[in-house]
Amino acid sequence: MKIQLALDRLEIQEAIQLTKLVEHSIDWIEVGTSLIKEFGMTSIKELKNAFPNKKIIADIKTIDNARYEFEMCFKAGADVATVMGVSPLVTIDTCLEVASQHNKQVMIDLLNTSEEQKSYLMKYKDAIFCDHVSKDEQEENGKSQSGIRQTEMFKKHFLKTAVAGGITTDTLKSLKARLNPDVVIIGSAITKAGNPKEAAEKFKDLIVKLEGEHVDE
């Protein structure tokens, strides 16, 4: 499992400084939706310039106007950009087309995506599918890891998966056992920790341990 660090509700320089503390424990860097909305493509450019050897995910959450938005993200330095699973299929088709032209990747966010729509999404073999419990759901209902449940159907089709939503070191083991995602997206458990470096190291150490157990089985 790779660790994708989600950077949200920060100034750009704050995000860079925080990421420098934890960069050796994380794999991918997510320029969160809030950073993109507040600072635009500059947020993607600055993070890619600061961490040229890390995969940068632009969490733009495209739902329309796909070509324009994905071109912007990839030209700014993103390696992956996100599109909402509820989008029209022509929008998702366009995202995959633009990504292919730039030799980049697409992450499809499954938030509130219907079962019927998900059945159509299975054709996107090159995409990463993100099982996502929203921030609002977490804050309103205390719903986090328990709401992550869609990944199994995508795993059965040998598709790449990511999970997001209130993940902690306490919930990571059961996530690994139940869903075995390719990517775990972790935000506040690292970014809001009293010691982000130590928190990131704990996640990394646990993943190494869990991956070792999986190999031994």
Protein backbone atom coordinates (compact mmCIF):
# COMPACT_ATOMS: atom_id res chain seq x y z
CA MET A 1 0.00 0.00 0.00
CA LYS A 2 1.22 3.46 -0.89
CA ILE A 3 0.56 6.44 1.37
CA GLN A 4 -1.00 9.45 -0.32
CA LEU A 5 -0.66 12.52 1.89
CA ALA A 6 -3.73 14.76 1.53
CA LEU A 7 -2.92 18.45 1.95
CA ASP A 8 -5.99 20.57 2.63
CA ARG A 9 -6.91 23.83 4.35
CA LEU A 10 -3.30 25.06 4.37
CA GLU A 11 -1.28 27.85 2.82
CA ILE A 12 1.02 26.61 0.05
CA GLN A 13 4.20 27.19 2.02
CA GLU A 14 2.67 25.51 5.07
CA ALA A 15 1.87 22.50 2.90
CA ILE A 16 5.44 22.38 1.58
CA GLN A 17 7.03 22.70 5.01
CA LEU A 18 4.78 20.02 6.47
CA THR A 19 5.49 17.66 3.58
CA LYS A 20 9.24 18.14 4.03
CA LEU A 21 8.85 16.77 7.54
CA VAL A 22 7.22 13.56 6.35
CA GLU A 23 8.43 13.06 2.77
CA HIS A 24 10.51 9.98 3.57
CA SER A 25 7.47 8.17 4.97
CA ILE A 26 4.91 9.03 2.28
CA ASP A 27 4.74 8.03 -1.38
CA TRP A 28 2.30 10.36 -3.16
CA ILE A 29 1.40 13.99 -2.45
CA GLU A 30 -2.18 15.17 -2.92
CA VAL A 31 -2.75 18.84 -3.64
CA GLY A 32 -6.15 18.98 -1.98
CA THR A 33 -9.29 20.50 -3.45
CA SER A 34 -9.15 23.39 -0.99
CA LEU A 35 -5.60 24.32 -2.06
CA ILE A 36 -6.58 24.25 -5.72
CA LYS A 37 -9.71 26.32 -5.09
CA GLU A 38 -7.86 28.92 -3.05
CA PHE A 39 -4.56 29.11 -4.92
CA GLY A 40 -5.27 27.62 -8.34
CA MET A 41 -2.67 25.90 -10.47
CA THR A 42 0.07 27.66 -8.50
CA SER A 43 -0.51 25.16 -5.68
CA ILE A 44 0.22 22.24 -8.02
CA LYS A 45 3.26 23.93 -9.56
CA GLU A 46 4.77 24.80 -6.18
CA LEU A 47 4.32 21.31 -4.75
CA LYS A 48 5.77 19.68 -7.86
CA ASN A 49 8.74 22.08 -7.82
CA ALA A 50 9.35 21.31 -4.16
CA PHE A 51 9.03 17.53 -4.62
CA PRO A 52 9.95 16.73 -8.23
CA ASN A 53 10.51 13.05 -7.49
CA LYS A 54 7.14 12.47 -5.83
CA LYS A 55 3.91 11.64 -7.64
CA ILE A 56 1.62 14.69 -7.38
CA ILE A 57 -2.14 14.16 -7.32
CA ALA A 58 -4.34 17.14 -8.22
CA ASP A 59 -7.62 16.57 -6.39
CA ILE A 60 -9.56 18.88 -8.69
CA LYS A 61 -12.73 16.72 -8.57
CA THR A 62 -13.66 17.45 -12.18
CA ILE A 63 -17.31 16.85 -13.04
CA ASP A 64 -17.53 18.80 -16.32
CA ASN A 65 -15.24 20.73 -18.68
CA ALA A 66 -12.80 17.83 -18.43
CA ARG A 67 -10.34 18.64 -21.19
CA TYR A 68 -9.71 22.18 -19.97
CA GLU A 69 -9.32 21.23 -16.31
CA PHE A 70 -7.15 18.15 -16.87
CA GLU A 71 -4.90 19.97 -19.35
CA MET A 72 -4.37 22.68 -16.72
CA CYS A 73 -3.50 20.17 -14.02
CA PHE A 74 -1.04 18.18 -16.13
CA LYS A 75 0.65 21.28 -17.51
CA ALA A 76 1.06 22.51 -13.92
CA GLY A 77 2.94 19.32 -13.04
CA ALA A 78 0.30 16.90 -11.74
CA ASP A 79 0.91 13.20 -12.36
CA VAL A 80 -2.66 12.23 -11.48
CA ALA A 81 -5.90 14.25 -11.52
CA THR A 82 -9.29 13.34 -10.07
CA VAL A 83 -12.71 13.16 -11.68
CA MET A 84 -15.99 12.43 -9.92
CA GLY A 85 -17.53 9.04 -10.64
CA VAL A 86 -20.97 10.66 -10.95
CA SER A 87 -19.77 12.60 -14.01
CA PRO A 88 -21.21 11.91 -17.47
CA LEU A 89 -19.28 9.06 -19.06
CA VAL A 90 -18.20 11.39 -21.88
CA THR A 91 -16.47 13.51 -19.23
CA ILE A 92 -14.62 10.51 -17.81
CA ASP A 93 -13.74 9.35 -21.33
CA THR A 94 -12.20 12.76 -21.96
CA CYS A 95 -10.21 12.62 -18.71
CA LEU A 96 -8.70 9.27 -19.71
CA GLU A 97 -7.95 10.57 -23.19
CA VAL A 98 -6.15 13.67 -21.92
CA ALA A 99 -4.25 11.63 -19.34
CA SER A 100 -3.11 9.19 -22.01
CA GLN A 101 -1.89 12.05 -24.21
CA HIS A 102 0.24 13.35 -21.34
CA ASN A 103 1.29 9.90 -20.07
CA LYS A 104 -0.50 10.63 -16.79
CA GLN A 105 -3.17 8.90 -14.68
CA VAL A 106 -6.78 9.43 -13.64
CA MET A 107 -8.29 8.80 -10.22
CA ILE A 108 -12.07 8.35 -10.17
CA ASP A 109 -13.68 9.51 -6.91
CA LEU A 110 -16.65 7.23 -6.13
CA LEU A 111 -18.32 9.63 -3.68
CA ASN A 112 -22.11 9.24 -4.06
CA THR A 113 -21.74 7.23 -7.27
CA SER A 114 -24.73 4.97 -7.95
CA GLU A 115 -24.41 1.21 -8.34
CA GLU A 116 -25.54 1.48 -11.95
CA GLN A 117 -22.92 4.12 -12.74
CA LYS A 118 -20.21 2.07 -11.01
CA SER A 119 -20.99 -0.87 -13.28
CA TYR A 120 -20.21 1.36 -16.27
CA LEU A 121 -16.99 2.59 -14.68
CA MET A 122 -15.49 -0.90 -14.66
CA LYS A 123 -14.35 -0.41 -18.25
CA TYR A 124 -11.76 2.17 -17.21
CA LYS A 125 -8.94 -0.31 -16.63
CA ASP A 126 -6.23 2.36 -16.43
CA ALA A 127 -7.93 4.41 -13.73
CA ILE A 128 -7.49 4.34 -9.95
CA PHE A 129 -10.81 4.06 -8.11
CA CYS A 130 -11.11 6.01 -4.87
CA ASP A 131 -13.57 4.79 -2.23
CA HIS A 132 -14.21 8.04 -0.38
CA VAL A 133 -16.09 9.00 2.78
CA SER A 134 -16.53 12.76 2.60
CA LYS A 135 -15.29 15.25 5.18
CA ASP A 136 -18.86 16.40 5.80
CA GLU A 137 -20.00 12.83 6.53
CA GLN A 138 -17.09 12.34 8.91
CA GLU A 139 -17.86 15.56 10.79
CA GLU A 140 -21.64 15.13 10.83
CA ASN A 141 -21.97 11.41 11.49
CA GLY A 142 -18.58 10.31 12.75
CA LYS A 143 -18.57 8.05 9.71
CA SER A 144 -15.14 7.18 8.38
CA GLN A 145 -13.56 3.80 7.81
CA SER A 146 -16.87 1.99 8.32
CA GLY A 147 -18.22 3.79 5.26
CA ILE A 148 -15.42 2.54 3.01
CA ARG A 149 -17.02 -0.49 1.43
CA GLN A 150 -17.06 -0.14 -2.36
CA THR A 151 -13.50 -1.23 -3.03
CA GLU A 152 -14.18 -4.97 -3.06
CA MET A 153 -16.18 -4.90 -6.28
CA PHE A 154 -13.35 -3.09 -8.06
CA LYS A 155 -10.68 -5.38 -6.59
CA LYS A 156 -12.55 -8.36 -7.98
CA HIS A 157 -11.96 -6.93 -11.44
CA PHE A 158 -8.25 -6.43 -10.70
CA LEU A 159 -8.56 -2.65 -10.81
CA LYS A 160 -6.38 -0.25 -8.83
CA THR A 161 -8.03 1.15 -5.72
CA ALA A 162 -7.53 3.90 -3.16
CA VAL A 163 -9.40 4.57 0.07
CA ALA A 164 -9.95 7.88 1.86
CA GLY A 165 -11.85 9.11 4.88
CA GLY A 166 -10.65 9.37 8.46
CA ILE A 167 -8.05 6.60 8.22
CA THR A 168 -5.96 6.06 11.35
CA THR A 169 -3.33 3.55 12.44
CA ASP A 170 -6.09 1.83 14.43
CA THR A 171 -8.24 1.25 11.33
CA LEU A 172 -5.47 0.51 8.84
CA LYS A 173 -5.10 -3.17 9.73
CA SER A 174 -8.76 -3.97 9.13
CA LEU A 175 -8.70 -1.96 5.88
CA LYS A 176 -5.78 -4.04 4.70
CA ALA A 177 -7.50 -7.28 5.65
CA ARG A 178 -10.89 -6.37 4.15
CA LEU A 179 -10.02 -4.38 1.07
CA ASN A 180 -6.24 -4.48 0.49
CA PRO A 181 -6.23 -1.12 -1.34
CA ASP A 182 -3.29 -0.04 -3.49
CA VAL A 183 -3.31 3.44 -1.94
CA VAL A 184 -4.40 4.79 1.44
CA ILE A 185 -5.15 8.51 1.45
CA ILE A 186 -4.29 10.03 4.81
CA GLY A 187 -4.87 13.64 5.75
CA SER A 188 -5.50 14.98 9.24
CA ALA A 189 -4.10 11.88 11.02
CA ILE A 190 -0.74 13.18 9.79
CA THR A 191 -1.24 16.87 9.02
CA LYS A 192 -3.04 17.67 12.28
CA ALA A 193 -0.87 15.44 14.47
CA GLY A 194 1.21 17.04 17.22
CA ASN A 195 4.25 15.46 15.57
CA PRO A 196 3.50 14.88 11.85
CA LYS A 197 6.88 13.24 11.19
CA GLU A 198 6.32 10.68 13.92
CA ALA A 199 2.72 10.08 12.81
CA ALA A 200 3.79 9.46 9.21
CA GLU A 201 6.54 7.10 10.35
CA LYS A 202 4.01 5.08 12.37
CA PHE A 203 1.80 4.68 9.29
CA LYS A 204 4.77 3.66 7.15
CA ASP A 205 6.08 1.17 9.72
CA LEU A 206 2.63 -0.38 10.11
CA ILE A 207 2.21 -0.75 6.35
CA VAL A 208 5.62 -2.42 6.05
CA LYS A 209 4.59 -4.81 8.83
CA LEU A 210 1.18 -5.55 7.26
CA GLU A 211 2.69 -6.07 3.83
CA GLY A 212 5.19 -8.49 5.37
CA GLU A 213 2.38 -10.45 7.04
CA HIS A 214 0.54 -10.61 3.73
CA VAL A 215 3.60 -12.05 1.97
CA ASP A 216 4.04 -14.68 4.69
CA GLU A 217 0.46 -15.94 4.38
